[in-house]
Amino acid sequence: MIKVYTTYSCPYCTRAKNYLDLHGIEYETLNIQEDNEARDFF
């Protein structure tokens, strides 16, 4: 599964998620402002 690492104000993340939605591609969103484990990995 695709993982999208994002923040609240990331326009590139929003564009990527919109593209994936448009094409019916499943993904997991990981907000690095909320998820310490995701932030450490990123």
Protein backbone atom coordinates (compact mmCIF):
# COMPACT_ATOMS: atom_id res chain seq x y z
CA MET A 1 0.00 0.00 0.00
CA ILE A 2 1.17 3.53 -0.75
CA LYS A 3 1.94 5.70 2.27
CA VAL A 4 1.56 9.47 1.99
CA TYR A 5 3.49 11.36 4.64
CA THR A 6 1.79 14.69 5.12
CA THR A 7 1.35 17.81 7.24
CA TYR A 8 -1.66 20.07 7.64
CA SER A 9 -0.29 22.72 5.28
CA CYS A 10 1.44 20.64 2.58
CA PRO A 11 0.03 21.55 -0.85
CA TYR A 12 2.06 18.81 -2.54
CA CYS A 13 0.56 16.19 -0.23
CA THR A 14 -2.94 17.43 -1.05
CA ARG A 15 -2.22 17.22 -4.77
CA ALA A 16 -0.82 13.71 -4.42
CA LYS A 17 -3.84 12.54 -2.42
CA ASN A 18 -6.24 14.12 -4.94
CA TYR A 19 -4.45 12.30 -7.77
CA LEU A 20 -4.62 8.98 -5.96
CA ASP A 21 -8.32 9.50 -5.16
CA LEU A 22 -9.09 10.43 -8.77
CA HIS A 23 -7.49 7.22 -10.01
CA GLY A 24 -8.99 5.00 -7.31
CA ILE A 25 -5.64 4.14 -5.79
CA GLU A 26 -5.70 3.16 -2.13
CA TYR A 27 -3.23 4.83 0.22
CA GLU A 28 -2.56 5.41 3.88
CA THR A 29 -2.11 8.95 5.20
CA LEU A 30 0.48 9.50 7.91
CA ASN A 31 0.51 12.99 9.38
CA ILE A 32 4.02 13.67 10.68
CA GLN A 33 2.71 16.53 12.83
CA GLU A 34 0.63 14.06 14.85
CA ASP A 35 2.45 10.74 14.51
CA ASN A 36 5.88 10.69 16.17
CA GLU A 37 6.72 7.27 14.74
CA ALA A 38 5.93 8.44 11.20
CA ARG A 39 7.96 11.62 11.76
CA ASP A 40 10.97 9.59 12.95
CA PHE A 41 10.73 7.33 9.90
CA PHE A 42 10.31 10.26 7.51
